[in-house]
ModelCIF file with pLDDT and N, C-alpha, C, O atoms, coordinates in Angstrom:
data_MODEL
#
_entry.id   MODEL 
#
_entity.id                         1 
_entity.type                       polymer 
_entity.pdbx_number_of_molecules   1 
#
_entity_poly.entity_id                      1 
_entity_poly.type                           'polypeptide(L)' 
_entity_poly.nstd_linkage                   no 
_entity_poly.nstd_monomer                   no 
_entity_poly.pdbx_seq_one_letter_code       IFTNYAMAWYRQAPGKQRELVAIIANGGRTNYADSVKGRFTISRDN 
_entity_poly.pdbx_seq_one_letter_code_can   IFTNYAMAWYRQAPGKQRELVAIIANGGRTNYADSVKGRFTISRDN 
_entity_poly.pdbx_strand_id                 A 
#
loop_
_entity_poly_seq.entity_id 
_entity_poly_seq.num 
_entity_poly_seq.mon_id 
_entity_poly_seq.hetero 
1 1  ILE n 
1 2  PHE n 
1 3  THR n 
1 4  ASN n 
1 5  TYR n 
1 6  ALA n 
1 7  MET n 
1 8  ALA n 
1 9  TRP n 
1 10 TYR n 
1 11 ARG n 
1 12 GLN n 
1 13 ALA n 
1 14 PRO n 
1 15 GLY n 
1 16 LYS n 
1 17 GLN n 
1 18 ARG n 
1 19 GLU n 
1 20 LEU n 
1 21 VAL n 
1 22 ALA n 
1 23 ILE n 
1 24 ILE n 
1 25 ALA n 
1 26 ASN n 
1 27 GLY n 
1 28 GLY n 
1 29 ARG n 
1 30 THR n 
1 31 ASN n 
1 32 TYR n 
1 33 ALA n 
1 34 ASP n 
1 35 SER n 
1 36 VAL n 
1 37 LYS n 
1 38 GLY n 
1 39 ARG n 
1 40 PHE n 
1 41 THR n 
1 42 ILE n 
1 43 SER n 
1 44 ARG n 
1 45 ASP n 
1 46 ASN n 
#
_struct_asym.id          A 
_struct_asym.entity_id   1 
#
loop_
_ma_qa_metric.id 
_ma_qa_metric.mode 
_ma_qa_metric.name 
_ma_qa_metric.software_group_id 
_ma_qa_metric.type 
1 global pLDDT . pLDDT 
2 local  pLDDT . pLDDT 
#
_ma_qa_metric_global.metric_id      1 
_ma_qa_metric_global.metric_value   97.11 
_ma_qa_metric_global.model_id       1 
_ma_qa_metric_global.ordinal_id     1 
#
loop_
_ma_qa_metric_local.label_asym_id 
_ma_qa_metric_local.label_comp_id 
_ma_qa_metric_local.label_seq_id 
_ma_qa_metric_local.metric_id 
_ma_qa_metric_local.metric_value 
_ma_qa_metric_local.model_id 
_ma_qa_metric_local.ordinal_id 
A ILE 1  2 96.00 1 1  
A PHE 2  2 97.00 1 2  
A THR 3  2 97.00 1 3  
A ASN 4  2 97.00 1 4  
A TYR 5  2 97.00 1 5  
A ALA 6  2 98.00 1 6  
A MET 7  2 98.00 1 7  
A ALA 8  2 98.00 1 8  
A TRP 9  2 98.00 1 9  
A TYR 10 2 98.00 1 10 
A ARG 11 2 98.00 1 11 
A GLN 12 2 98.00 1 12 
A ALA 13 2 97.00 1 13 
A PRO 14 2 92.00 1 14 
A GLY 15 2 94.00 1 15 
A LYS 16 2 96.00 1 16 
A GLN 17 2 97.00 1 17 
A ARG 18 2 97.00 1 18 
A GLU 19 2 98.00 1 19 
A LEU 20 2 98.00 1 20 
A VAL 21 2 98.00 1 21 
A ALA 22 2 98.00 1 22 
A ILE 23 2 98.00 1 23 
A ILE 24 2 98.00 1 24 
A ALA 25 2 97.00 1 25 
A ASN 26 2 93.00 1 26 
A GLY 27 2 92.00 1 27 
A GLY 28 2 93.00 1 28 
A ARG 29 2 97.00 1 29 
A THR 30 2 98.00 1 30 
A ASN 31 2 98.00 1 31 
A TYR 32 2 98.00 1 32 
A ALA 33 2 98.00 1 33 
A ASP 34 2 98.00 1 34 
A SER 35 2 97.00 1 35 
A VAL 36 2 98.00 1 36 
A LYS 37 2 98.00 1 37 
A GLY 38 2 98.00 1 38 
A ARG 39 2 98.00 1 39 
A PHE 40 2 98.00 1 40 
A THR 41 2 98.00 1 41 
A ILE 42 2 98.00 1 42 
A SER 43 2 98.00 1 43 
A ARG 44 2 98.00 1 44 
A ASP 45 2 98.00 1 45 
A ASN 46 2 97.00 1 46 
#
loop_
_atom_site.group_PDB 
_atom_site.id 
_atom_site.type_symbol 
_atom_site.label_atom_id 
_atom_site.label_alt_id 
_atom_site.label_comp_id 
_atom_site.label_asym_id 
_atom_site.label_entity_id 
_atom_site.label_seq_id 
_atom_site.pdbx_PDB_ins_code 
_atom_site.Cartn_x 
_atom_site.Cartn_y 
_atom_site.Cartn_z 
_atom_site.occupancy 
_atom_site.B_iso_or_equiv 
_atom_site.pdbx_formal_charge 
_atom_site.auth_seq_id 
_atom_site.auth_comp_id 
_atom_site.auth_asym_id 
_atom_site.auth_atom_id 
_atom_site.pdbx_PDB_model_num 
ATOM 1   N N  . ILE A 1 1  ? 16.570 -12.923 -24.509 1.00 96.00 ? 1  ILE A N  1 
ATOM 2   C CA . ILE A 1 1  ? 16.053 -11.583 -24.591 1.00 96.00 ? 1  ILE A CA 1 
ATOM 3   C C  . ILE A 1 1  ? 16.002 -10.665 -23.299 1.00 96.00 ? 1  ILE A C  1 
ATOM 4   O O  . ILE A 1 1  ? 15.011 -10.490 -22.590 1.00 96.00 ? 1  ILE A O  1 
ATOM 5   N N  . PHE A 1 2  ? 17.033 -10.212 -23.160 1.00 97.00 ? 2  PHE A N  1 
ATOM 6   C CA . PHE A 1 2  ? 17.447 -9.565  -22.021 1.00 97.00 ? 2  PHE A CA 1 
ATOM 7   C C  . PHE A 1 2  ? 16.364 -8.861  -21.230 1.00 97.00 ? 2  PHE A C  1 
ATOM 8   O O  . PHE A 1 2  ? 16.072 -9.194  -20.081 1.00 97.00 ? 2  PHE A O  1 
ATOM 9   N N  . THR A 1 3  ? 15.732 -7.788  -21.951 1.00 97.00 ? 3  THR A N  1 
ATOM 10  C CA . THR A 1 3  ? 14.749 -7.048  -21.246 1.00 97.00 ? 3  THR A CA 1 
ATOM 11  C C  . THR A 1 3  ? 13.431 -7.811  -21.150 1.00 97.00 ? 3  THR A C  1 
ATOM 12  O O  . THR A 1 3  ? 12.438 -7.111  -20.955 1.00 97.00 ? 3  THR A O  1 
ATOM 13  N N  . ASN A 1 4  ? 13.287 -8.895  -21.235 1.00 97.00 ? 4  ASN A N  1 
ATOM 14  C CA . ASN A 1 4  ? 12.159 -9.829  -20.652 1.00 97.00 ? 4  ASN A CA 1 
ATOM 15  C C  . ASN A 1 4  ? 12.473 -10.127 -19.367 1.00 97.00 ? 4  ASN A C  1 
ATOM 16  O O  . ASN A 1 4  ? 11.529 -10.390 -18.623 1.00 97.00 ? 4  ASN A O  1 
ATOM 17  N N  . TYR A 1 5  ? 13.737 -10.151 -18.863 1.00 97.00 ? 5  TYR A N  1 
ATOM 18  C CA . TYR A 1 5  ? 14.086 -11.128 -17.741 1.00 97.00 ? 5  TYR A CA 1 
ATOM 19  C C  . TYR A 1 5  ? 14.574 -10.336 -16.688 1.00 97.00 ? 5  TYR A C  1 
ATOM 20  O O  . TYR A 1 5  ? 15.433 -9.488  -16.925 1.00 97.00 ? 5  TYR A O  1 
ATOM 21  N N  . ALA A 1 6  ? 14.044 -10.541 -15.324 1.00 98.00 ? 6  ALA A N  1 
ATOM 22  C CA . ALA A 1 6  ? 14.572 -10.216 -14.137 1.00 98.00 ? 6  ALA A CA 1 
ATOM 23  C C  . ALA A 1 6  ? 15.834 -10.734 -13.913 1.00 98.00 ? 6  ALA A C  1 
ATOM 24  O O  . ALA A 1 6  ? 15.965 -11.958 -13.922 1.00 98.00 ? 6  ALA A O  1 
ATOM 25  N N  . MET A 1 7  ? 17.121 -9.760  -13.640 1.00 98.00 ? 7  MET A N  1 
ATOM 26  C CA . MET A 1 7  ? 18.215 -10.368 -13.175 1.00 98.00 ? 7  MET A CA 1 
ATOM 27  C C  . MET A 1 7  ? 18.581 -10.245 -11.642 1.00 98.00 ? 7  MET A C  1 
ATOM 28  O O  . MET A 1 7  ? 18.246 -9.243  -11.011 1.00 98.00 ? 7  MET A O  1 
ATOM 29  N N  . ALA A 1 8  ? 19.168 -11.122 -11.147 1.00 98.00 ? 8  ALA A N  1 
ATOM 30  C CA . ALA A 1 8  ? 19.834 -11.385 -9.749  1.00 98.00 ? 8  ALA A CA 1 
ATOM 31  C C  . ALA A 1 8  ? 20.735 -11.950 -9.576  1.00 98.00 ? 8  ALA A C  1 
ATOM 32  O O  . ALA A 1 8  ? 20.917 -12.964 -10.250 1.00 98.00 ? 8  ALA A O  1 
ATOM 33  N N  . TRP A 1 9  ? 21.748 -11.526 -8.547  1.00 98.00 ? 9  TRP A N  1 
ATOM 34  C CA . TRP A 1 9  ? 22.825 -12.102 -7.604  1.00 98.00 ? 9  TRP A CA 1 
ATOM 35  C C  . TRP A 1 9  ? 22.351 -12.657 -6.625  1.00 98.00 ? 9  TRP A C  1 
ATOM 36  O O  . TRP A 1 9  ? 21.461 -12.141 -5.949  1.00 98.00 ? 9  TRP A O  1 
ATOM 37  N N  . TYR A 1 10 ? 22.988 -14.075 -6.326  1.00 98.00 ? 10 TYR A N  1 
ATOM 38  C CA . TYR A 1 10 ? 22.833 -14.600 -5.291  1.00 98.00 ? 10 TYR A CA 1 
ATOM 39  C C  . TYR A 1 10 ? 24.132 -15.193 -4.622  1.00 98.00 ? 10 TYR A C  1 
ATOM 40  O O  . TYR A 1 10 ? 25.112 -15.150 -5.365  1.00 98.00 ? 10 TYR A O  1 
ATOM 41  N N  . ARG A 1 11 ? 24.287 -15.587 -3.720  1.00 98.00 ? 11 ARG A N  1 
ATOM 42  C CA . ARG A 1 11 ? 25.789 -16.448 -3.155  1.00 98.00 ? 11 ARG A CA 1 
ATOM 43  C C  . ARG A 1 11 ? 25.459 -17.141 -2.212  1.00 98.00 ? 11 ARG A C  1 
ATOM 44  O O  . ARG A 1 11 ? 24.478 -17.076 -1.472  1.00 98.00 ? 11 ARG A O  1 
ATOM 45  N N  . GLN A 1 12 ? 26.597 -18.052 -2.257  1.00 98.00 ? 12 GLN A N  1 
ATOM 46  C CA . GLN A 1 12 ? 26.789 -19.233 -1.553  1.00 98.00 ? 12 GLN A CA 1 
ATOM 47  C C  . GLN A 1 12 ? 28.061 -19.097 -0.752  1.00 98.00 ? 12 GLN A C  1 
ATOM 48  O O  . GLN A 1 12 ? 29.085 -18.753 -1.341  1.00 98.00 ? 12 GLN A O  1 
ATOM 49  N N  . ALA A 1 13 ? 28.079 -19.362 0.669   1.00 97.00 ? 13 ALA A N  1 
ATOM 50  C CA . ALA A 1 13 ? 28.957 -19.487 1.446   1.00 97.00 ? 13 ALA A CA 1 
ATOM 51  C C  . ALA A 1 13 ? 29.248 -21.161 1.789   1.00 97.00 ? 13 ALA A C  1 
ATOM 52  O O  . ALA A 1 13 ? 28.410 -22.045 1.966   1.00 97.00 ? 13 ALA A O  1 
ATOM 53  N N  . PRO A 1 14 ? 30.650 -21.247 1.814   1.00 92.00 ? 14 PRO A N  1 
ATOM 54  C CA . PRO A 1 14 ? 30.811 -22.805 2.174   1.00 92.00 ? 14 PRO A CA 1 
ATOM 55  C C  . PRO A 1 14 ? 29.612 -23.254 3.376   1.00 92.00 ? 14 PRO A C  1 
ATOM 56  O O  . PRO A 1 14 ? 29.338 -22.506 4.315   1.00 92.00 ? 14 PRO A O  1 
ATOM 57  N N  . GLY A 1 15 ? 29.180 -24.146 3.237   1.00 94.00 ? 15 GLY A N  1 
ATOM 58  C CA . GLY A 1 15 ? 28.479 -25.029 3.855   1.00 94.00 ? 15 GLY A CA 1 
ATOM 59  C C  . GLY A 1 15 ? 27.055 -24.089 4.277   1.00 94.00 ? 15 GLY A C  1 
ATOM 60  O O  . GLY A 1 15 ? 26.331 -24.346 5.238   1.00 94.00 ? 15 GLY A O  1 
ATOM 61  N N  . LYS A 1 16 ? 26.906 -23.224 3.543   1.00 96.00 ? 16 LYS A N  1 
ATOM 62  C CA . LYS A 1 16 ? 25.538 -22.617 3.523   1.00 96.00 ? 16 LYS A CA 1 
ATOM 63  C C  . LYS A 1 16 ? 24.636 -22.623 2.563   1.00 96.00 ? 16 LYS A C  1 
ATOM 64  O O  . LYS A 1 16 ? 25.138 -22.802 1.453   1.00 96.00 ? 16 LYS A O  1 
ATOM 65  N N  . GLN A 1 17 ? 23.211 -22.464 2.578   1.00 97.00 ? 17 GLN A N  1 
ATOM 66  C CA . GLN A 1 17 ? 22.435 -22.515 1.192   1.00 97.00 ? 17 GLN A CA 1 
ATOM 67  C C  . GLN A 1 17 ? 22.609 -21.250 0.425   1.00 97.00 ? 17 GLN A C  1 
ATOM 68  O O  . GLN A 1 17 ? 22.969 -20.204 0.964   1.00 97.00 ? 17 GLN A O  1 
ATOM 69  N N  . ARG A 1 18 ? 22.396 -21.347 -0.609  1.00 97.00 ? 18 ARG A N  1 
ATOM 70  C CA . ARG A 1 18 ? 22.425 -20.385 -1.690  1.00 97.00 ? 18 ARG A CA 1 
ATOM 71  C C  . ARG A 1 18 ? 21.266 -19.195 -1.142  1.00 97.00 ? 18 ARG A C  1 
ATOM 72  O O  . ARG A 1 18 ? 20.154 -19.452 -0.680  1.00 97.00 ? 18 ARG A O  1 
ATOM 73  N N  . GLU A 1 19 ? 21.773 -18.053 -1.305  1.00 98.00 ? 19 GLU A N  1 
ATOM 74  C CA . GLU A 1 19 ? 20.786 -17.014 -0.747  1.00 98.00 ? 19 GLU A CA 1 
ATOM 75  C C  . GLU A 1 19 ? 21.010 -15.814 -1.756  1.00 98.00 ? 19 GLU A C  1 
ATOM 76  O O  . GLU A 1 19 ? 22.072 -15.451 -2.262  1.00 98.00 ? 19 GLU A O  1 
ATOM 77  N N  . LEU A 1 20 ? 19.590 -15.231 -1.939  1.00 98.00 ? 20 LEU A N  1 
ATOM 78  C CA . LEU A 1 20 ? 19.207 -14.028 -2.837  1.00 98.00 ? 20 LEU A CA 1 
ATOM 79  C C  . LEU A 1 20 ? 20.039 -13.071 -2.132  1.00 98.00 ? 20 LEU A C  1 
ATOM 80  O O  . LEU A 1 20 ? 20.020 -12.969 -0.905  1.00 98.00 ? 20 LEU A O  1 
ATOM 81  N N  . VAL A 1 21 ? 20.810 -12.329 -2.936  1.00 98.00 ? 21 VAL A N  1 
ATOM 82  C CA . VAL A 1 21 ? 21.571 -11.083 -2.381  1.00 98.00 ? 21 VAL A CA 1 
ATOM 83  C C  . VAL A 1 21 ? 20.511 -9.654  -3.161  1.00 98.00 ? 21 VAL A C  1 
ATOM 84  O O  . VAL A 1 21 ? 19.872 -8.951  -2.378  1.00 98.00 ? 21 VAL A O  1 
ATOM 85  N N  . ALA A 1 22 ? 20.449 -9.419  -4.385  1.00 98.00 ? 22 ALA A N  1 
ATOM 86  C CA . ALA A 1 22 ? 19.530 -8.654  -5.003  1.00 98.00 ? 22 ALA A CA 1 
ATOM 87  C C  . ALA A 1 22 ? 19.244 -8.898  -6.465  1.00 98.00 ? 22 ALA A C  1 
ATOM 88  O O  . ALA A 1 22 ? 19.793 -9.502  -7.386  1.00 98.00 ? 22 ALA A O  1 
ATOM 89  N N  . ILE A 1 23 ? 18.006 -8.076  -6.266  1.00 98.00 ? 23 ILE A N  1 
ATOM 90  C CA . ILE A 1 23 ? 17.330 -8.502  -7.988  1.00 98.00 ? 23 ILE A CA 1 
ATOM 91  C C  . ILE A 1 23 ? 16.714 -7.129  -8.454  1.00 98.00 ? 23 ILE A C  1 
ATOM 92  O O  . ILE A 1 23 ? 16.167 -6.277  -7.754  1.00 98.00 ? 23 ILE A O  1 
ATOM 93  N N  . ILE A 1 24 ? 16.926 -7.127  -9.733  1.00 98.00 ? 24 ILE A N  1 
ATOM 94  C CA . ILE A 1 24 ? 16.334 -6.029  -10.328 1.00 98.00 ? 24 ILE A CA 1 
ATOM 95  C C  . ILE A 1 24 ? 15.231 -6.331  -11.292 1.00 98.00 ? 24 ILE A C  1 
ATOM 96  O O  . ILE A 1 24 ? 15.600 -7.056  -12.216 1.00 98.00 ? 24 ILE A O  1 
ATOM 97  N N  . ALA A 1 25 ? 14.146 -6.018  -11.320 1.00 97.00 ? 25 ALA A N  1 
ATOM 98  C CA . ALA A 1 25 ? 13.008 -6.302  -12.269 1.00 97.00 ? 25 ALA A CA 1 
ATOM 99  C C  . ALA A 1 25 ? 13.396 -5.829  -13.854 1.00 97.00 ? 25 ALA A C  1 
ATOM 100 O O  . ALA A 1 25 ? 14.356 -5.073  -14.007 1.00 97.00 ? 25 ALA A O  1 
ATOM 101 N N  . ASN A 1 26 ? 12.676 -6.265  -14.941 1.00 93.00 ? 26 ASN A N  1 
ATOM 102 C CA . ASN A 1 26 ? 13.087 -5.751  -16.401 1.00 93.00 ? 26 ASN A CA 1 
ATOM 103 C C  . ASN A 1 26 ? 12.733 -4.325  -16.261 1.00 93.00 ? 26 ASN A C  1 
ATOM 104 O O  . ASN A 1 26 ? 13.325 -3.511  -16.969 1.00 93.00 ? 26 ASN A O  1 
ATOM 105 N N  . GLY A 1 27 ? 11.821 -3.927  -15.414 1.00 92.00 ? 27 GLY A N  1 
ATOM 106 C CA . GLY A 1 27 ? 11.414 -2.539  -15.190 1.00 92.00 ? 27 GLY A CA 1 
ATOM 107 C C  . GLY A 1 27 ? 12.239 -1.525  -14.835 1.00 92.00 ? 27 GLY A C  1 
ATOM 108 O O  . GLY A 1 27 ? 12.160 -0.358  -15.219 1.00 92.00 ? 27 GLY A O  1 
ATOM 109 N N  . GLY A 1 28 ? 13.428 -2.230  -13.724 1.00 93.00 ? 28 GLY A N  1 
ATOM 110 C CA . GLY A 1 28 ? 14.411 -1.427  -13.101 1.00 93.00 ? 28 GLY A CA 1 
ATOM 111 C C  . GLY A 1 28 ? 13.894 -1.539  -11.448 1.00 93.00 ? 28 GLY A C  1 
ATOM 112 O O  . GLY A 1 28 ? 14.702 -1.167  -10.596 1.00 93.00 ? 28 GLY A O  1 
ATOM 113 N N  . ARG A 1 29 ? 12.683 -2.000  -11.050 1.00 97.00 ? 29 ARG A N  1 
ATOM 114 C CA . ARG A 1 29 ? 12.668 -2.041  -9.508  1.00 97.00 ? 29 ARG A CA 1 
ATOM 115 C C  . ARG A 1 29 ? 13.722 -3.103  -8.949  1.00 97.00 ? 29 ARG A C  1 
ATOM 116 O O  . ARG A 1 29 ? 14.133 -4.095  -9.552  1.00 97.00 ? 29 ARG A O  1 
ATOM 117 N N  . THR A 1 30 ? 14.041 -2.717  -7.772  1.00 98.00 ? 30 THR A N  1 
ATOM 118 C CA . THR A 1 30 ? 15.304 -3.609  -7.072  1.00 98.00 ? 30 THR A CA 1 
ATOM 119 C C  . THR A 1 30 ? 14.609 -3.931  -6.017  1.00 98.00 ? 30 THR A C  1 
ATOM 120 O O  . THR A 1 30 ? 13.534 -3.446  -5.665  1.00 98.00 ? 30 THR A O  1 
ATOM 121 N N  . ASN A 1 31 ? 15.432 -5.028  -5.339  1.00 98.00 ? 31 ASN A N  1 
ATOM 122 C CA . ASN A 1 31 ? 15.040 -5.427  -4.097  1.00 98.00 ? 31 ASN A CA 1 
ATOM 123 C C  . ASN A 1 31 ? 16.327 -6.167  -3.468  1.00 98.00 ? 31 ASN A C  1 
ATOM 124 O O  . ASN A 1 31 ? 17.056 -6.918  -4.115  1.00 98.00 ? 31 ASN A O  1 
ATOM 125 N N  . TYR A 1 32 ? 16.492 -5.845  -2.123  1.00 98.00 ? 32 TYR A N  1 
ATOM 126 C CA . TYR A 1 32 ? 18.109 -6.354  -1.563  1.00 98.00 ? 32 TYR A CA 1 
ATOM 127 C C  . TYR A 1 32 ? 17.673 -7.238  -0.378  1.00 98.00 ? 32 TYR A C  1 
ATOM 128 O O  . TYR A 1 32 ? 16.562 -7.254  0.153   1.00 98.00 ? 32 TYR A O  1 
ATOM 129 N N  . ALA A 1 33 ? 18.763 -7.974  -0.064  1.00 98.00 ? 33 ALA A N  1 
ATOM 130 C CA . ALA A 1 33 ? 18.749 -8.786  0.995   1.00 98.00 ? 33 ALA A CA 1 
ATOM 131 C C  . ALA A 1 33 ? 19.154 -7.768  2.303   1.00 98.00 ? 33 ALA A C  1 
ATOM 132 O O  . ALA A 1 33 ? 19.975 -6.867  2.130   1.00 98.00 ? 33 ALA A O  1 
ATOM 133 N N  . ASP A 1 34 ? 18.622 -7.952  3.391   1.00 98.00 ? 34 ASP A N  1 
ATOM 134 C CA . ASP A 1 34 ? 18.673 -7.032  4.437   1.00 98.00 ? 34 ASP A CA 1 
ATOM 135 C C  . ASP A 1 34 ? 19.939 -6.928  4.701   1.00 98.00 ? 34 ASP A C  1 
ATOM 136 O O  . ASP A 1 34 ? 20.296 -5.780  4.964   1.00 98.00 ? 34 ASP A O  1 
ATOM 137 N N  . SER A 1 35 ? 20.935 -7.920  4.727   1.00 97.00 ? 35 SER A N  1 
ATOM 138 C CA . SER A 1 35 ? 22.253 -8.152  5.066   1.00 97.00 ? 35 SER A CA 1 
ATOM 139 C C  . SER A 1 35 ? 23.093 -7.116  4.250   1.00 97.00 ? 35 SER A C  1 
ATOM 140 O O  . SER A 1 35 ? 24.139 -6.682  4.735   1.00 97.00 ? 35 SER A O  1 
ATOM 141 N N  . VAL A 1 36 ? 22.648 -6.703  2.997   1.00 98.00 ? 36 VAL A N  1 
ATOM 142 C CA . VAL A 1 36 ? 23.529 -5.904  2.147   1.00 98.00 ? 36 VAL A CA 1 
ATOM 143 C C  . VAL A 1 36 ? 22.894 -4.695  1.825   1.00 98.00 ? 36 VAL A C  1 
ATOM 144 O O  . VAL A 1 36 ? 23.602 -3.923  1.178   1.00 98.00 ? 36 VAL A O  1 
ATOM 145 N N  . LYS A 1 37 ? 21.567 -4.245  2.139   1.00 98.00 ? 37 LYS A N  1 
ATOM 146 C CA . LYS A 1 37 ? 21.193 -2.985  2.085   1.00 98.00 ? 37 LYS A CA 1 
ATOM 147 C C  . LYS A 1 37 ? 22.240 -1.891  2.408   1.00 98.00 ? 37 LYS A C  1 
ATOM 148 O O  . LYS A 1 37 ? 23.020 -2.024  3.351   1.00 98.00 ? 37 LYS A O  1 
ATOM 149 N N  . GLY A 1 38 ? 22.236 -0.856  1.637   1.00 98.00 ? 38 GLY A N  1 
ATOM 150 C CA . GLY A 1 38 ? 23.088 0.216   1.827   1.00 98.00 ? 38 GLY A CA 1 
ATOM 151 C C  . GLY A 1 38 ? 24.596 0.308   1.599   1.00 98.00 ? 38 GLY A C  1 
ATOM 152 O O  . GLY A 1 38 ? 25.317 1.302   1.694   1.00 98.00 ? 38 GLY A O  1 
ATOM 153 N N  . ARG A 1 39 ? 24.989 -1.248  1.199   1.00 98.00 ? 39 ARG A N  1 
ATOM 154 C CA . ARG A 1 39 ? 26.042 -1.632  0.727   1.00 98.00 ? 39 ARG A CA 1 
ATOM 155 C C  . ARG A 1 39 ? 26.374 -1.847  -0.625  1.00 98.00 ? 39 ARG A C  1 
ATOM 156 O O  . ARG A 1 39 ? 27.354 -1.408  -1.226  1.00 98.00 ? 39 ARG A O  1 
ATOM 157 N N  . PHE A 1 40 ? 25.240 -2.739  -1.153  1.00 98.00 ? 40 PHE A N  1 
ATOM 158 C CA . PHE A 1 40 ? 25.216 -3.200  -2.619  1.00 98.00 ? 40 PHE A CA 1 
ATOM 159 C C  . PHE A 1 40 ? 24.528 -2.304  -3.337  1.00 98.00 ? 40 PHE A C  1 
ATOM 160 O O  . PHE A 1 40 ? 23.793 -1.441  -2.858  1.00 98.00 ? 40 PHE A O  1 
ATOM 161 N N  . THR A 1 41 ? 24.759 -2.495  -4.545  1.00 98.00 ? 41 THR A N  1 
ATOM 162 C CA . THR A 1 41 ? 23.863 -1.803  -5.586  1.00 98.00 ? 41 THR A CA 1 
ATOM 163 C C  . THR A 1 41 ? 23.800 -2.589  -6.987  1.00 98.00 ? 41 THR A C  1 
ATOM 164 O O  . THR A 1 41 ? 24.764 -2.774  -7.730  1.00 98.00 ? 41 THR A O  1 
ATOM 165 N N  . ILE A 1 42 ? 22.746 -2.931  -7.161  1.00 98.00 ? 42 ILE A N  1 
ATOM 166 C CA . ILE A 1 42 ? 22.439 -3.714  -8.322  1.00 98.00 ? 42 ILE A CA 1 
ATOM 167 C C  . ILE A 1 42 ? 21.670 -2.899  -9.412  1.00 98.00 ? 42 ILE A C  1 
ATOM 168 O O  . ILE A 1 42 ? 20.658 -2.203  -9.329  1.00 98.00 ? 42 ILE A O  1 
ATOM 169 N N  . SER A 1 43 ? 22.595 -3.257  -10.601 1.00 98.00 ? 43 SER A N  1 
ATOM 170 C CA . SER A 1 43 ? 22.033 -2.134  -11.710 1.00 98.00 ? 43 SER A CA 1 
ATOM 171 C C  . SER A 1 43 ? 22.338 -2.989  -13.307 1.00 98.00 ? 43 SER A C  1 
ATOM 172 O O  . SER A 1 43 ? 23.166 -3.867  -13.549 1.00 98.00 ? 43 SER A O  1 
ATOM 173 N N  . ARG A 1 44 ? 21.542 -2.477  -14.026 1.00 98.00 ? 44 ARG A N  1 
ATOM 174 C CA . ARG A 1 44 ? 21.758 -3.294  -15.431 1.00 98.00 ? 44 ARG A CA 1 
ATOM 175 C C  . ARG A 1 44 ? 21.759 -2.200  -16.424 1.00 98.00 ? 44 ARG A C  1 
ATOM 176 O O  . ARG A 1 44 ? 21.336 -1.074  -16.165 1.00 98.00 ? 44 ARG A O  1 
ATOM 177 N N  . ASP A 1 45 ? 22.306 -2.603  -17.717 1.00 98.00 ? 45 ASP A N  1 
ATOM 178 C CA . ASP A 1 45 ? 22.464 -1.909  -19.067 1.00 98.00 ? 45 ASP A CA 1 
ATOM 179 C C  . ASP A 1 45 ? 21.902 -2.894  -19.986 1.00 98.00 ? 45 ASP A C  1 
ATOM 180 O O  . ASP A 1 45 ? 22.471 -3.891  -20.430 1.00 98.00 ? 45 ASP A O  1 
ATOM 181 N N  . ASN A 1 46 ? 20.763 -2.508  -20.208 1.00 97.00 ? 46 ASN A N  1 
ATOM 182 C CA . ASN A 1 46 ? 19.789 -3.279  -21.354 1.00 97.00 ? 46 ASN A CA 1 
ATOM 183 C C  . ASN A 1 46 ? 20.940 -3.108  -22.905 1.00 97.00 ? 46 ASN A C  1 
ATOM 184 O O  . ASN A 1 46 ? 20.582 -3.561  -23.992 1.00 97.00 ? 46 ASN A O  1 
#
């Protein structure tokens, strides 16, 4: 049930741990890693 879920993007570079890139709550609130703020935008189409 997509609208129940927060959705996120993570990334993993070679030799590094997986890290959170961006997350969007089911209500639409977003949060970003400092390294991508201003460059990446997360959105959802319910």
